[in-house]
Amino acid sequence: MSRMMFVKGAAQRTLIEYFHKTSLNGFGLLYFIRKRRIQRLFWFAFITFGILFAGLSVLAMILQYLNHPIMTSLSEDIFFEENVEFPALTICSGYKLSRRKVANYADELSNAKGQSKDYWLRQLTLLEGYFESFAISPQVGRNLQNALNSTNLASELQKLSPSCDTLIVHCEVNDLNRNCSEIFTLKNTIQGFCCGLENQNLTGELTITLDSSQEDAFAMPQNVDGFTLHMSNWLGRLSIQPGELANIELQIYELQANPQLRDYNLDERRCYFHDEGINQADCLTQCRLKAYIINCQCIPPFPFSADSVNSTHKYCNLTNIDCMQLVDFNWSPDECVNCLPLCHGLFHRMVKNVYGYMHPWRSRISFYYTNKHIPIYQQNELYNWYQMLSNIGGVLSICIGCSFISGFELLYFLSYRLWLNFRNIQMQ
């Protein structure tokens, strides 16, 4: 008798013993009703369906855990703050350069270089290449840069930008008049030089009146009407059209992360703790900066300061316009795979409600928090090991009546009883 026949006989005997003695009642019926073929066939099909359903359910649970191990849920805790400070707001005009300042600059160029003021005004419209690289051709950019002969034209752009005093004509904090120059200052951003809210612990309601007449706008093809609003930790933006009366609702929520999430790698938790990285908006800006440095060996004038980034890198100028166009065309946030949101902190977003219109030369907007009760969202593990074990056990118990003891019993029959039956058959 061959060894394979011994194994087959031992397996058959072990299977019969298992169905006879198992604690799983459903499997035991396959032994006790073995002479009733129709019932046995029905019960076999029912058990097979239970095994398949349980296997698929457990597999789906495991795959969900592997793909999304982190769960974000709204906590029952709500944080109340009486005086919520305003976030870092930025207000950008639809035009980039001041007509009066550019006219004075054209006078200086005319006196220094000999051409007429009108000639330089026409040439200075090409400065739009600094804000939108595809607005001019590389050759035209090089010609203008050579004609200006300026080694640091980026600093000149700040001098030519409209001041916050001309863009924001009136400010009120909690219905009290305030000097706008004390609240807003000109800042270098990715949209150009814009008016940023100074960190003065402002709370309550902020109302500002904007000059939307564009009376001081230096005409360039990319100019648009109105203003745009931005926040440093928010990737969105809002537009303010001329003449709008609008309320800007500031919404805030807090995100808390379980410290145990540090045990997961970044690919699984998809967020940084504060000591691991910066917020996503700043990271994307830095990622784009690296693309300019690698490809052009210079940094664009917006939104970087050469002193604050690295003194070894110069500003890009219009002679680098072809390289800047290449970066702008090919760069995508998808390339910055390491730019992830923070795991915890305070986050804001803005919602605009237009309630009327005034003269199109003015726009009036009010900032305030809609609710001082800050909702808290918590990030935790989707399952702990004991929750995973409990869920799997629950599925197996419902579908096939299986438990930890049943599993140990199955291992017992597949190992010791199978070996024992194999040895007994050999001895016979």
Protein backbone atom coordinates (compact mmCIF):
# COMPACT_ATOMS: atom_id res chain seq x y z
CA MET A 1 0.00 0.00 0.00
CA SER A 2 1.55 3.31 -1.08
CA ARG A 3 2.26 6.24 1.22
CA MET A 4 -0.28 8.38 -0.67
CA MET A 5 -3.01 5.85 0.11
CA PHE A 6 -2.08 6.03 3.81
CA VAL A 7 -2.39 9.82 3.73
CA LYS A 8 -5.73 9.67 1.92
CA GLY A 9 -7.13 7.16 4.37
CA ALA A 10 -5.91 9.15 7.36
CA ALA A 11 -7.44 12.35 5.98
CA GLN A 12 -10.80 10.65 5.38
CA ARG A 13 -10.86 9.17 8.87
CA THR A 14 -9.87 12.50 10.44
CA LEU A 15 -12.60 14.35 8.53
CA ILE A 16 -15.26 11.89 9.74
CA GLU A 17 -14.01 12.23 13.32
CA TYR A 18 -14.08 16.01 13.05
CA PHE A 19 -17.69 16.12 11.83
CA HIS A 20 -18.65 13.61 14.55
CA LYS A 21 -16.97 15.32 17.49
CA THR A 22 -16.73 19.03 16.54
CA SER A 23 -18.32 21.69 18.74
CA LEU A 24 -19.69 23.37 15.60
CA ASN A 25 -23.24 22.05 15.49
CA GLY A 26 -23.72 22.88 11.84
CA PHE A 27 -20.70 20.81 10.82
CA GLY A 28 -21.79 17.99 13.12
CA LEU A 29 -25.07 17.63 11.26
CA LEU A 30 -23.13 16.59 8.17
CA TYR A 31 -22.19 13.46 10.12
CA PHE A 32 -25.47 12.72 11.89
CA ILE A 33 -27.67 13.12 8.78
CA ARG A 34 -25.26 11.40 6.41
CA LYS A 35 -27.98 8.90 5.36
CA ARG A 36 -30.40 11.69 4.33
CA ARG A 37 -28.80 12.85 1.13
CA ILE A 38 -31.16 15.73 0.29
CA GLN A 39 -30.95 17.24 3.77
CA ARG A 40 -27.23 16.70 3.83
CA LEU A 41 -26.83 18.39 0.44
CA PHE A 42 -28.93 21.36 1.58
CA TRP A 43 -26.99 21.69 4.83
CA PHE A 44 -23.68 21.42 2.99
CA ALA A 45 -24.72 24.23 0.62
CA PHE A 46 -25.85 26.40 3.53
CA ILE A 47 -22.57 25.91 5.39
CA THR A 48 -20.57 26.57 2.23
CA PHE A 49 -22.46 29.84 1.71
CA GLY A 50 -21.76 30.82 5.34
CA ILE A 51 -18.04 30.11 4.93
CA LEU A 52 -17.84 32.13 1.70
CA PHE A 53 -19.80 35.05 3.13
CA ALA A 54 -17.67 35.09 6.30
CA GLY A 55 -14.46 34.90 4.26
CA LEU A 56 -15.47 37.79 2.01
CA SER A 57 -16.60 39.90 4.98
CA VAL A 58 -13.34 39.35 6.86
CA LEU A 59 -11.32 40.07 3.69
CA ALA A 60 -13.22 43.33 3.10
CA MET A 61 -12.63 44.35 6.72
CA ILE A 62 -8.89 43.69 6.45
CA LEU A 63 -8.58 45.52 3.12
CA GLN A 64 -10.43 48.53 4.53
CA TYR A 65 -8.05 48.61 7.48
CA LEU A 66 -4.98 48.35 5.23
CA ASN A 67 -6.18 51.10 2.85
CA HIS A 68 -7.66 53.50 5.43
CA PRO A 69 -6.27 52.72 8.90
CA ILE A 70 -7.18 56.21 10.22
CA MET A 71 -10.73 57.26 11.11
CA THR A 72 -11.86 60.87 11.60
CA SER A 73 -15.01 61.39 13.66
CA LEU A 74 -16.82 64.31 15.29
CA SER A 75 -16.20 64.30 19.00
CA GLU A 76 -18.96 64.93 21.50
CA ASP A 77 -16.67 67.51 23.09
CA ILE A 78 -17.12 71.09 21.85
CA PHE A 79 -14.58 73.71 22.77
CA PHE A 80 -15.99 77.12 23.68
CA GLU A 81 -13.85 80.22 23.18
CA GLU A 82 -15.27 83.63 24.06
CA ASN A 83 -12.70 85.69 22.11
CA VAL A 84 -11.56 83.82 19.01
CA GLU A 85 -8.71 85.61 17.25
CA PHE A 86 -8.77 86.29 13.52
CA PRO A 87 -6.56 84.07 11.36
CA ALA A 88 -3.89 85.33 8.95
CA LEU A 89 -6.10 86.97 6.30
CA THR A 90 -4.70 88.30 3.02
CA ILE A 91 -6.49 90.69 0.65
CA CYS A 92 -5.18 90.88 -2.93
CA SER A 93 -6.20 93.47 -5.50
CA GLY A 94 -7.21 92.55 -9.04
CA TYR A 95 -4.44 94.79 -10.35
CA LYS A 96 -0.79 94.34 -9.46
CA LEU A 97 0.86 97.72 -10.06
CA SER A 98 -0.04 101.29 -9.13
CA ARG A 99 -0.56 103.64 -12.11
CA ARG A 100 0.90 106.61 -10.22
CA LYS A 101 3.97 104.74 -9.06
CA VAL A 102 4.62 103.26 -12.49
CA ALA A 103 4.28 106.73 -14.05
CA ASN A 104 6.90 108.09 -11.65
CA TYR A 105 9.15 105.13 -12.44
CA ALA A 106 8.73 105.79 -16.17
CA ASP A 107 9.80 109.41 -15.58
CA GLU A 108 12.94 108.18 -13.83
CA LEU A 109 13.74 105.78 -16.66
CA SER A 110 13.12 108.49 -19.27
CA ASN A 111 15.51 110.85 -17.54
CA ALA A 112 18.15 108.17 -17.02
CA LYS A 113 17.98 106.33 -20.36
CA GLY A 114 16.71 108.90 -22.83
CA GLN A 115 13.55 107.37 -24.30
CA SER A 116 10.19 109.04 -23.83
CA LYS A 117 7.90 108.42 -20.87
CA ASP A 118 5.24 106.89 -23.15
CA TYR A 119 7.82 104.44 -24.49
CA TRP A 120 8.65 103.25 -20.99
CA LEU A 121 5.00 103.02 -20.00
CA ARG A 122 4.44 100.66 -22.93
CA GLN A 123 7.51 98.66 -21.98
CA LEU A 124 6.55 98.42 -18.34
CA THR A 125 3.30 96.64 -19.20
CA LEU A 126 5.60 93.66 -19.91
CA LEU A 127 6.32 93.45 -16.18
CA GLU A 128 3.25 91.25 -16.15
CA GLY A 129 5.65 88.43 -16.95
CA TYR A 130 6.65 88.46 -13.30
CA PHE A 131 3.08 87.67 -12.24
CA GLU A 132 2.13 85.43 -15.19
CA SER A 133 5.10 83.94 -17.01
CA PHE A 134 3.10 83.06 -20.14
CA ALA A 135 1.96 86.66 -20.60
CA ILE A 136 5.13 87.52 -22.56
CA SER A 137 7.56 85.70 -24.83
CA PRO A 138 11.09 84.84 -23.60
CA GLN A 139 12.74 87.13 -26.14
CA VAL A 140 10.58 90.10 -25.20
CA GLY A 141 11.34 89.43 -21.52
CA ARG A 142 15.08 89.37 -22.14
CA ASN A 143 14.92 92.60 -24.13
CA LEU A 144 13.07 94.41 -21.35
CA GLN A 145 15.40 93.09 -18.66
CA ASN A 146 18.43 94.25 -20.63
CA ALA A 147 16.86 97.65 -21.22
CA LEU A 148 16.04 98.14 -17.53
CA ASN A 149 19.47 96.87 -16.50
CA SER A 150 18.21 96.19 -12.97
CA THR A 151 19.85 93.47 -10.92
CA ASN A 152 17.06 93.36 -8.33
CA LEU A 153 13.86 94.22 -10.10
CA ALA A 154 11.89 92.26 -7.48
CA SER A 155 12.48 95.05 -4.96
CA GLU A 156 11.28 97.54 -7.56
CA LEU A 157 8.03 95.60 -7.92
CA GLN A 158 7.26 96.13 -4.24
CA LYS A 159 7.76 99.87 -4.70
CA LEU A 160 5.42 99.82 -7.71
CA SER A 161 2.67 97.81 -5.97
CA PRO A 162 -0.41 99.65 -4.67
CA SER A 163 -0.18 100.44 -0.97
CA CYS A 164 -2.69 99.08 1.52
CA ASP A 165 -3.80 102.66 2.33
CA THR A 166 -5.08 103.09 -1.23
CA LEU A 167 -6.74 99.66 -1.42
CA ILE A 168 -8.36 99.63 2.06
CA VAL A 169 -9.90 103.04 2.70
CA HIS A 170 -11.76 102.42 5.98
CA CYS A 171 -11.53 99.94 8.85
CA GLU A 172 -13.71 99.21 11.86
CA VAL A 173 -13.13 96.77 14.70
CA ASN A 174 -16.23 96.05 16.76
CA ASP A 175 -17.89 99.22 15.32
CA LEU A 176 -14.92 101.39 16.34
CA ASN A 177 -12.86 103.19 13.69
CA ARG A 178 -9.27 102.00 13.35
CA ASN A 179 -6.31 103.15 11.29
CA CYS A 180 -6.04 100.61 8.46
CA SER A 181 -2.26 100.97 8.29
CA GLU A 182 -2.11 99.64 11.86
CA ILE A 183 -4.10 96.55 10.92
CA PHE A 184 -2.87 95.71 7.42
CA THR A 185 0.62 95.71 5.92
CA LEU A 186 1.98 94.93 2.46
CA LYS A 187 3.18 91.31 2.26
CA ASN A 188 4.85 89.20 -0.38
CA THR A 189 2.51 86.35 -1.40
CA ILE A 190 2.16 83.97 -4.29
CA GLN A 191 -0.46 86.32 -5.76
CA GLY A 192 1.96 89.27 -5.63
CA PHE A 193 2.20 91.98 -3.00
CA CYS A 194 -1.04 91.89 -1.01
CA CYS A 195 -2.40 93.37 2.21
CA GLY A 196 -2.01 90.96 5.10
CA LEU A 197 -3.72 91.21 8.47
CA GLU A 198 -1.22 91.97 11.20
CA ASN A 199 -1.22 89.67 14.23
CA GLN A 200 -2.78 92.04 16.74
CA ASN A 201 -5.03 89.57 18.58
CA LEU A 202 -8.10 91.01 16.90
CA THR A 203 -11.40 89.52 18.04
CA GLY A 204 -15.06 90.26 17.45
CA GLU A 205 -15.99 91.77 14.08
CA LEU A 206 -13.77 93.41 11.47
CA THR A 207 -15.36 95.59 8.77
CA ILE A 208 -13.36 97.09 5.93
CA THR A 209 -14.21 99.25 2.93
CA LEU A 210 -12.23 98.53 -0.25
CA ASP A 211 -11.49 100.86 -3.14
CA SER A 212 -12.74 98.84 -6.11
CA SER A 213 -12.69 101.72 -8.60
CA GLN A 214 -9.27 100.68 -9.98
CA GLU A 215 -8.62 104.36 -10.54
CA ASP A 216 -4.96 103.75 -9.66
CA ALA A 217 -4.65 100.55 -11.69
CA PHE A 218 -1.78 100.33 -14.14
CA ALA A 219 -3.32 98.73 -17.23
CA MET A 220 -2.09 95.21 -17.91
CA PRO A 221 -3.92 92.43 -19.82
CA GLN A 222 -4.22 90.15 -16.78
CA ASN A 223 -5.93 92.74 -14.54
CA VAL A 224 -9.31 91.70 -13.13
CA ASP A 225 -12.02 93.54 -11.23
CA GLY A 226 -12.39 93.31 -7.49
CA PHE A 227 -10.30 91.52 -4.88
CA THR A 228 -9.48 88.01 -3.69
CA LEU A 229 -9.33 86.79 -0.09
CA HIS A 230 -6.92 84.12 1.16
CA MET A 231 -5.92 82.40 4.39
CA SER A 232 -2.55 80.82 5.09
CA ASN A 233 -3.86 77.41 6.20
CA TRP A 234 -6.69 77.23 3.65
CA LEU A 235 -6.16 76.26 0.00
CA GLY A 236 -9.38 77.94 -1.09
CA ARG A 237 -10.06 81.57 -2.00
CA LEU A 238 -12.95 84.02 -2.19
CA SER A 239 -13.55 86.81 -4.68
CA ILE A 240 -15.03 90.22 -3.89
CA GLN A 241 -16.68 92.00 -6.80
CA PRO A 242 -16.96 95.81 -7.13
CA GLY A 243 -19.89 97.23 -5.18
CA GLU A 244 -20.56 94.14 -3.10
CA LEU A 245 -21.81 94.30 0.48
CA ALA A 246 -20.81 90.97 1.93
CA ASN A 247 -20.46 89.13 5.20
CA ILE A 248 -17.54 86.73 5.43
CA GLU A 249 -18.28 83.98 7.90
CA LEU A 250 -15.13 82.56 9.45
CA GLN A 251 -15.63 78.93 10.33
CA ILE A 252 -13.19 77.18 12.62
CA TYR A 253 -12.77 73.63 13.81
CA GLU A 254 -10.13 71.77 15.78
CA LEU A 255 -8.54 68.53 14.67
CA GLN A 256 -7.06 66.29 17.34
CA ALA A 257 -4.97 63.20 16.66
CA ASN A 258 -4.40 60.25 18.90
CA PRO A 259 -0.66 60.12 19.78
CA GLN A 260 -0.75 56.40 18.95
CA LEU A 261 -0.98 57.41 15.27
CA ARG A 262 2.74 58.16 15.42
CA ASP A 263 3.26 54.40 15.25
CA TYR A 264 1.86 54.43 11.70
CA ASN A 265 4.06 55.48 8.79
CA LEU A 266 3.15 58.57 6.77
CA ASP A 267 1.70 56.56 3.88
CA GLU A 268 -0.90 55.15 6.26
CA ARG A 269 -1.86 58.12 8.43
CA ARG A 270 -1.39 60.77 5.68
CA CYS A 271 -0.71 63.67 8.05
CA TYR A 272 2.11 65.31 10.01
CA PHE A 273 2.42 66.08 13.68
CA HIS A 274 3.74 69.59 14.39
CA ASP A 275 7.26 68.38 15.10
CA GLU A 276 7.35 66.46 11.81
CA GLY A 277 6.38 69.01 9.17
CA ILE A 278 4.66 72.26 8.23
CA ASN A 279 1.10 72.90 7.08
CA GLN A 280 0.15 71.76 3.59
CA ALA A 281 -0.19 75.22 2.01
CA ASP A 282 3.33 76.28 3.06
CA CYS A 283 4.74 72.91 2.03
CA LEU A 284 3.30 73.24 -1.49
CA THR A 285 4.86 76.70 -1.76
CA GLN A 286 8.25 75.35 -0.69
CA CYS A 287 7.89 72.42 -3.08
CA ARG A 288 7.30 74.79 -5.98
CA LEU A 289 10.27 76.87 -4.89
CA LYS A 290 12.52 73.79 -5.12
CA ALA A 291 11.33 73.23 -8.69
CA TYR A 292 12.46 76.76 -9.63
CA ILE A 293 15.82 76.33 -7.89
CA ILE A 294 16.53 72.97 -9.53
CA ASN A 295 15.52 74.04 -13.03
CA CYS A 296 16.36 77.77 -13.07
CA GLN A 297 18.93 78.22 -10.27
CA CYS A 298 16.92 81.18 -9.00
CA ILE A 299 13.81 81.93 -6.95
CA PRO A 300 10.72 83.74 -8.28
CA PRO A 301 9.94 87.11 -6.66
CA PHE A 302 6.63 85.80 -5.30
CA PRO A 303 6.16 84.75 -2.55
CA PHE A 304 9.75 84.51 -1.40
CA SER A 305 12.37 86.78 0.04
CA ALA A 306 15.89 85.99 -1.10
CA ASP A 307 17.23 86.84 2.36
CA SER A 308 14.79 84.55 4.15
CA VAL A 309 15.20 81.61 1.76
CA ASN A 310 18.90 81.36 0.95
CA SER A 311 21.32 84.15 0.21
CA THR A 312 23.09 81.98 -2.38
CA HIS A 313 20.04 82.02 -4.66
CA LYS A 314 19.26 85.10 -6.70
CA TYR A 315 15.85 86.28 -7.82
CA CYS A 316 14.60 85.12 -11.19
CA ASN A 317 14.21 87.98 -13.65
CA LEU A 318 12.79 88.29 -17.14
CA THR A 319 15.89 86.70 -18.69
CA ASN A 320 14.78 83.46 -16.98
CA ILE A 321 11.25 83.66 -18.37
CA ASP A 322 11.63 80.59 -20.62
CA CYS A 323 12.72 78.47 -17.65
CA MET A 324 9.93 79.88 -15.46
CA GLN A 325 7.39 79.03 -18.18
CA LEU A 326 8.72 75.47 -18.27
CA VAL A 327 8.31 75.08 -14.49
CA ASP A 328 4.85 76.69 -14.47
CA PHE A 329 3.70 74.40 -17.28
CA ASN A 330 4.98 71.14 -15.79
CA TRP A 331 4.71 71.68 -12.06
CA SER A 332 1.73 70.13 -10.28
CA PRO A 333 0.84 69.75 -6.58
CA ASP A 334 0.65 66.02 -7.25
CA GLU A 335 4.44 66.01 -7.48
CA CYS A 336 4.68 67.07 -3.83
CA VAL A 337 3.81 63.70 -2.35
CA ASN A 338 5.28 64.69 1.03
CA CYS A 339 3.03 67.75 1.42
CA LEU A 340 0.41 66.45 3.81
CA PRO A 341 -2.02 68.23 6.15
CA LEU A 342 -1.31 68.49 9.85
CA CYS A 343 -2.71 65.81 12.14
CA HIS A 344 -3.98 68.31 14.70
CA GLY A 345 -4.50 72.04 15.11
CA LEU A 346 -7.02 74.79 14.40
CA PHE A 347 -8.28 75.08 10.82
CA HIS A 348 -10.34 77.81 9.15
CA ARG A 349 -12.40 78.38 6.07
CA MET A 350 -14.43 81.31 4.74
CA VAL A 351 -18.01 81.49 3.46
CA LYS A 352 -19.28 84.61 1.69
CA ASN A 353 -22.85 85.91 1.94
CA VAL A 354 -23.75 88.90 -0.26
CA TYR A 355 -26.57 90.93 1.27
CA GLY A 356 -26.58 93.99 -1.03
CA TYR A 357 -24.71 96.34 -3.34
CA MET A 358 -23.34 99.87 -3.12
CA HIS A 359 -21.53 102.17 -5.57
CA PRO A 360 -19.25 100.02 -7.80
CA TRP A 361 -16.26 102.11 -6.73
CA ARG A 362 -16.48 100.67 -3.24
CA SER A 363 -16.91 97.24 -1.64
CA ARG A 364 -17.67 96.65 2.01
CA ILE A 365 -17.05 93.35 3.77
CA SER A 366 -17.40 92.23 7.38
CA PHE A 367 -15.47 89.35 8.95
CA TYR A 368 -16.83 87.51 11.96
CA TYR A 369 -17.09 84.06 13.47
CA THR A 370 -20.46 82.42 13.06
CA ASN A 371 -20.11 80.33 16.19
CA LYS A 372 -17.80 80.51 19.17
CA HIS A 373 -18.38 76.84 19.86
CA ILE A 374 -15.50 75.09 18.09
CA PRO A 375 -16.30 71.52 16.98
CA ILE A 376 -13.55 69.00 17.62
CA TYR A 377 -12.77 66.24 15.14
CA GLN A 378 -10.69 63.34 16.37
CA GLN A 379 -8.40 61.11 14.34
CA ASN A 380 -7.97 57.61 15.73
CA GLU A 381 -7.05 54.15 14.58
CA LEU A 382 -9.85 52.52 12.61
CA TYR A 383 -9.42 49.37 14.71
CA ASN A 384 -7.25 48.38 17.63
CA TRP A 385 -5.97 44.80 17.54
CA TYR A 386 -8.62 43.66 20.01
CA GLN A 387 -11.37 45.45 18.03
CA MET A 388 -10.19 43.76 14.85
CA LEU A 389 -10.20 40.38 16.63
CA SER A 390 -13.66 41.09 18.03
CA ASN A 391 -15.06 42.06 14.62
CA ILE A 392 -13.61 39.01 12.90
CA GLY A 393 -14.88 36.78 15.70
CA GLY A 394 -18.34 38.31 15.47
CA VAL A 395 -18.57 37.70 11.71
CA LEU A 396 -17.35 34.10 12.00
CA SER A 397 -19.69 33.44 14.93
CA ILE A 398 -22.76 34.76 13.11
CA CYS A 399 -22.01 33.01 9.81
CA ILE A 400 -20.66 29.62 10.88
CA GLY A 401 -20.84 29.60 14.69
CA CYS A 402 -17.05 29.64 14.97
CA SER A 403 -15.13 30.74 18.07
CA PHE A 404 -11.56 30.69 19.35
CA ILE A 405 -12.13 27.20 20.77
CA SER A 406 -13.49 26.03 17.41
CA GLY A 407 -10.38 27.32 15.70
CA PHE A 408 -8.09 25.53 18.17
CA GLU A 409 -10.18 22.40 17.70
CA LEU A 410 -9.71 22.58 13.92
CA LEU A 411 -5.95 22.90 14.34
CA TYR A 412 -6.01 19.89 16.68
CA PHE A 413 -7.71 17.67 14.10
CA LEU A 414 -5.56 18.94 11.21
CA SER A 415 -2.35 18.22 13.11
CA TYR A 416 -2.39 15.67 15.93
CA ARG A 417 -5.46 13.60 14.94
CA LEU A 418 -4.35 13.47 11.29
CA TRP A 419 -0.88 12.26 12.33
CA LEU A 420 -2.35 9.75 14.78
CA ASN A 421 -4.72 8.27 12.17
CA PHE A 422 -1.89 8.09 9.64
CA ARG A 423 0.26 6.13 12.12
CA ASN A 424 -2.62 3.77 13.03
CA ILE A 425 -3.31 2.95 9.39
CA GLN A 426 0.38 2.22 8.81
CA MET A 427 0.45 -0.16 11.79
CA GLN A 428 -2.61 -2.01 10.48
